[in-house]
Protein backbone atom coordinates (compact mmCIF):
# COMPACT_ATOMS: atom_id res chain seq x y z
CA MET A 1 16.32 29.81 22.02
CA SER A 2 17.53 26.24 22.54
CA LYS A 3 20.31 25.04 24.78
CA TYR A 4 21.64 23.25 21.69
CA ASP A 5 22.14 26.49 19.72
CA VAL A 6 25.89 26.27 20.28
CA LEU A 7 25.90 23.35 17.84
CA ALA A 8 24.97 25.75 15.03
CA ALA A 9 28.18 27.72 15.49
CA PHE A 10 30.19 24.49 15.58
CA PHE A 11 28.79 23.22 12.26
CA LEU A 12 28.85 26.61 10.54
CA ASN A 13 32.55 26.99 11.42
CA GLN A 14 33.53 23.76 9.67
CA PRO A 15 35.77 24.14 6.59
CA GLU A 16 33.79 24.21 3.34
CA ASP A 17 35.73 21.24 1.94
CA ARG A 18 34.80 19.09 4.92
CA SER A 19 31.81 16.91 4.02
CA GLN A 20 31.70 14.47 6.96
CA ILE A 21 32.36 14.60 10.70
CA GLU A 22 32.46 11.75 13.21
CA LEU A 23 32.04 12.90 16.80
CA SER A 24 32.11 10.98 20.05
CA PHE A 25 29.52 11.72 22.69
CA GLU A 26 32.32 13.21 24.80
CA GLN A 27 33.30 15.56 21.97
CA ILE A 28 29.68 16.67 21.61
CA LYS A 29 29.55 17.20 25.37
CA ALA A 30 32.62 19.44 25.08
CA VAL A 31 30.94 21.51 22.36
CA LEU A 32 27.68 21.83 24.31
CA GLY A 33 29.13 22.33 27.75
CA PHE A 34 26.83 19.69 29.25
CA SER A 35 26.20 15.95 28.97
CA LEU A 36 23.81 14.45 26.47
CA PRO A 37 20.52 13.15 27.93
CA ARG A 38 20.09 9.46 28.59
CA THR A 39 17.75 9.06 25.60
CA ALA A 40 20.57 10.11 23.27
CA ARG A 41 22.62 7.17 24.56
CA VAL A 42 19.94 4.48 24.29
CA ASP A 43 17.55 5.52 21.51
CA ARG A 44 18.60 6.14 17.89
CA VAL A 45 15.37 8.08 17.30
CA TRP A 46 16.92 10.93 19.32
CA TRP A 47 19.42 11.31 16.48
CA GLY A 48 16.73 11.47 13.80
CA ASN A 49 16.78 14.32 11.30
CA ALA A 50 13.49 15.92 12.34
CA ARG A 51 13.20 19.60 11.43
CA ASN A 52 10.74 20.49 14.20
CA TYR A 53 12.72 19.05 17.11
CA PRO A 54 15.91 20.31 18.77
CA PRO A 55 18.75 19.48 18.55
CA SER A 56 18.23 17.94 15.08
CA SER A 57 16.68 21.17 13.84
CA ILE A 58 19.97 22.87 14.79
CA TRP A 59 22.29 20.70 12.71
CA LEU A 60 19.81 20.55 9.82
CA SER A 61 19.45 24.33 9.69
CA SER A 62 23.26 24.53 9.77
CA GLY A 63 23.52 22.34 6.68
CA TRP A 64 24.34 18.97 8.24
CA LYS A 65 22.45 15.74 8.89
CA VAL A 66 23.05 12.56 10.89
CA THR A 67 23.94 9.59 8.69
CA GLY A 68 24.79 7.15 11.46
CA ALA A 69 24.56 6.77 15.22
CA ASP A 70 26.64 4.03 16.86
CA LEU A 71 25.25 3.88 20.40
CA ALA A 72 27.56 1.07 21.47
CA ARG A 73 30.68 3.05 20.51
CA GLU A 74 29.02 6.36 21.40
CA PHE A 75 29.87 7.94 18.06
CA VAL A 76 27.71 9.91 15.63
CA THR A 77 28.44 10.60 11.97
CA PHE A 78 27.30 13.86 10.37
CA ARG A 79 27.40 14.63 6.64
CA ARG A 80 27.07 18.00 4.97
CA ILE A 81 23.75 18.40 3.14
CA ASP A 82 23.78 19.29 -0.52
CA ASP A 83 20.11 20.22 -0.99
CA ALA A 84 20.27 20.03 -4.76
CA ILE A 85 21.87 16.59 -4.82
CA GLU A 86 19.74 15.26 -1.97
CA GLY A 87 16.52 16.53 -3.51
CA ALA A 88 17.36 15.07 -6.91
CA ARG A 89 18.27 11.73 -5.38
CA GLN A 90 15.04 11.47 -3.43
CA ALA A 91 12.86 12.72 -6.27
CA GLY A 92 14.47 10.42 -8.81
CA ARG A 93 14.57 7.20 -6.84
CA TYR A 94 11.37 7.54 -4.88
CA GLU A 95 9.14 9.48 -7.25
CA ARG A 96 6.96 6.39 -7.62
CA LEU A 97 6.43 6.23 -3.85
CA SER A 98 5.37 9.89 -3.78
CA GLY A 99 2.96 9.20 -6.63
CA PHE A 100 1.55 6.11 -4.89
CA LEU A 101 0.87 8.01 -1.67
CA GLY A 102 -0.51 11.00 -3.56
CA ASP A 103 -3.08 8.80 -5.29
CA ILE A 104 -4.55 7.45 -2.03
CA MET A 105 -8.08 8.73 -1.49
CA GLN A 106 -8.39 11.63 0.94
CA GLU A 107 -10.70 9.68 3.25
CA GLN A 108 -7.81 7.38 4.20
CA SER A 109 -5.62 9.05 6.80
CA GLN A 110 -3.28 6.17 7.73
CA ILE A 111 -1.50 3.37 5.88
CA ALA A 112 0.96 0.62 6.87
CA LEU A 113 3.44 -0.58 4.27
CA ALA A 114 5.89 -3.47 4.45
CA PHE A 115 9.39 -2.60 3.31
CA ALA A 116 8.99 -5.18 0.54
CA GLU A 117 5.85 -3.39 -0.69
CA ILE A 118 7.79 -0.13 -0.90
CA GLY A 119 10.43 -1.96 -2.89
CA ARG A 120 7.81 -3.14 -5.37
CA ILE A 121 6.36 0.37 -5.63
CA THR A 122 9.75 2.02 -6.27
CA GLY A 123 11.13 -0.82 -8.37
CA SER A 124 14.20 -1.31 -6.15
CA ASP A 125 15.01 -2.61 -2.68
CA LEU A 126 15.37 -0.14 0.17
CA PRO A 127 18.97 0.65 1.17
CA LYS A 128 20.53 -1.15 4.10
CA SER A 129 20.33 2.01 6.24
CA ALA A 130 16.52 1.98 5.91
CA LEU A 131 16.47 -1.54 7.35
CA THR A 132 18.69 -0.83 10.34
CA ASP A 133 18.58 2.88 11.19
CA ARG A 134 15.42 4.75 12.22
CA THR A 135 16.95 8.08 11.23
CA TRP A 136 16.52 7.07 7.56
CA TRP A 137 12.76 7.45 8.11
CA ALA A 138 12.97 10.99 9.53
CA ASN A 139 10.30 13.38 8.26
CA MET A 140 12.65 15.68 6.37
CA GLY A 141 11.21 18.20 3.93
CA ASN A 142 12.37 16.33 0.82
CA ALA A 143 11.39 12.85 1.99
CA PRO A 144 9.11 11.26 -0.64
CA TRP A 145 6.27 10.73 1.83
CA VAL A 146 6.49 14.33 3.11
CA VAL A 147 6.39 15.60 -0.49
CA ALA A 148 3.15 13.63 -0.94
CA GLY A 149 1.60 15.07 2.25
CA TRP A 150 2.32 12.19 4.65
CA THR A 151 4.51 11.71 7.73
CA VAL A 152 6.07 8.61 9.25
CA GLU A 153 4.12 7.87 12.43
CA ASN A 154 6.08 4.76 13.43
CA VAL A 155 8.60 2.37 11.96
CA PHE A 156 9.16 -1.23 13.08
CA LEU A 157 12.59 -2.30 11.87
CA ARG A 158 12.36 -5.90 13.06
CA ALA A 159 8.96 -6.44 11.44
CA GLN A 160 10.01 -4.26 8.45
CA ILE A 161 6.83 -2.20 8.48
CA VAL A 162 6.36 1.56 8.37
CA VAL A 163 3.14 3.32 9.43
CA LEU A 164 2.38 6.61 7.72
CA ARG A 165 -0.28 9.17 8.59
CA ARG A 166 -1.60 11.91 6.37
CA ALA A 167 -0.06 15.15 7.57
CA GLY A 168 -2.24 17.09 9.98
CA GLU A 169 -4.71 14.24 10.56
CA ASN A 170 -4.08 13.67 14.28
CA LEU A 171 -7.38 15.26 15.23
CA LEU A 172 -6.96 14.80 18.98
CA ARG A 173 -3.99 17.18 18.80
CA GLU A 174 -4.79 19.27 15.75
CA ILE A 175 -8.25 20.45 16.76
CA PRO A 176 -7.35 21.75 20.27
CA HIS A 177 -4.32 23.46 18.74
CA GLN A 178 -6.43 25.24 16.10
CA VAL A 179 -9.09 26.23 18.63
CA ARG A 180 -6.41 27.73 20.88
CA LEU A 181 -5.04 29.74 17.96
CA LEU A 182 -8.48 31.05 17.05
CA LEU A 183 -9.25 32.11 20.61
CA GLU A 184 -5.87 33.56 21.58
CA ASN A 185 -4.81 35.15 18.29
CA SER A 186 -7.33 37.37 16.56
CA SER A 187 -5.27 37.31 13.35
CA ALA A 188 -5.06 33.52 13.18
CA SER A 189 -6.52 31.83 10.13
CA MET A 190 -7.43 28.21 9.61
CA HIS A 191 -5.84 27.36 6.25
CA VAL A 192 -8.23 24.39 6.12
CA ASP A 193 -10.69 23.74 3.32
CA ALA A 194 -14.42 23.51 4.02
CA SER A 195 -14.60 19.73 3.62
CA ARG A 196 -11.90 19.13 6.19
CA LEU A 197 -13.40 21.67 8.57
CA LEU A 198 -16.72 19.87 8.25
CA LYS A 199 -14.92 16.64 9.14
CA TRP A 200 -13.40 18.29 12.22
CA ILE A 201 -16.71 19.68 13.42
CA GLY A 202 -18.37 16.31 12.90
CA PHE A 203 -15.59 14.65 14.90
CA CYS A 204 -16.10 17.16 17.72
CA ARG A 205 -19.79 16.37 17.83
CA ARG A 206 -19.14 12.62 18.02
CA VAL A 207 -16.66 12.88 20.90
CA GLY A 208 -18.64 15.53 22.78
CA TRP A 209 -16.32 18.47 22.11
CA HIS A 210 -19.25 20.88 21.82
CA PHE A 211 -17.24 23.98 22.68
CA GLU A 212 -14.55 23.17 20.11
CA ALA A 213 -17.18 22.50 17.43
CA THR A 214 -18.82 25.86 18.13
CA VAL A 215 -15.53 27.74 17.95
CA LEU A 216 -14.55 26.08 14.67
CA TYR A 217 -17.92 26.92 13.15
CA GLU A 218 -18.11 30.52 14.37
CA LYS A 219 -14.46 31.57 14.03
CA GLY A 220 -13.07 29.19 11.44
CA CYS A 221 -13.84 31.36 8.38
CA LEU A 222 -15.84 28.53 6.88
CA ASP A 223 -16.72 28.87 3.19
CA ALA A 224 -19.94 26.85 3.23
CA GLU A 225 -20.69 27.75 -0.40
CA SER A 226 -18.10 25.22 -1.54
CA LEU A 227 -20.03 22.41 0.20
CA SER A 228 -22.88 20.45 -1.27
CA SER A 229 -26.40 20.98 0.06
CA ALA A 230 -26.19 17.70 1.97
CA GLU A 231 -22.87 18.71 3.51
CA ARG A 232 -24.21 22.14 4.50
CA ALA A 233 -27.19 20.47 6.17
CA GLU A 234 -24.84 18.14 8.05
CA LEU A 235 -22.71 21.10 9.10
CA GLU A 236 -25.69 23.09 10.41
CA GLU A 237 -26.96 20.07 12.32
CA CYS A 238 -23.56 19.50 13.99
CA TYR A 239 -23.37 23.17 14.96
CA GLU A 240 -26.93 23.31 16.32
CA VAL A 241 -26.43 20.14 18.37
CA SER A 242 -23.21 21.49 19.90
CA LYS A 243 -24.70 24.93 20.51
CA ARG A 244 -27.75 23.45 22.23
CA ALA A 245 -25.54 21.25 24.37
CA LEU A 246 -23.54 24.25 25.59
CA THR A 247 -26.69 26.27 26.26
CA ARG A 248 -28.31 23.36 28.11
CA TYR A 249 -25.37 23.11 30.48
CA LYS A 250 -25.49 26.85 31.11
CA ARG A 251 -29.24 26.73 31.89
CA ALA A 252 -28.66 23.84 34.25
CA ASP A 253 -25.96 25.82 36.10
CA ILE A 254 -28.21 28.89 36.36
CA GLY A 255 -31.11 26.82 37.64
CA ALA A 256 -28.91 25.20 40.28
CA ALA A 257 -27.78 28.62 41.45
């Protein structure tokens, strides 16, 4: 439960013929029963339409999205989402961008694109809101980069550059998260193909995460048959190195005792 849940009732109670709402920060405070945090007053990113972050997940799940945040005036504009229209608009105008990102080789996990490059890819200039408002770059489910399996990692409006990362490729966060799931939830499954799991285990070996590498190998439901003989040999080597490292530390502790 989120302290912003009261917003859901507010948006769901709006008349069906009402497609746009402009609210002052004070009006939002009245709805919530408490003041907005300082970040909401100084950072437009707080008002981004991110589905995995409250409070934006609240208004999105209620059928509304932020289309403008005027921090100087302390006003925010919300518009009702028509999923069919929004999806068609994104798919039609930015289908070329989705195709471009989808064609990038799997080995590349990050790319930086100038706004002008995106314009050349799509065949039209980006809208003014994309040049001035970070919320335009929110990782919504129908965004053309999300459809292609990418997320916006950072956007630099002044330099007109956006940095995208292949979804799920932040290994420093993803691997510990998956290991925790495997150890704490017996029913957890990886949902990761063998090639990617091999990449994760190799990464663990390089950075000295021997325990994580061992857990991924032993509990990750790895289908080694889908790997080539060279890849299987690499996998076994990574596992043996990590396993020996863990055992060596244990023997050293026992000897010291």
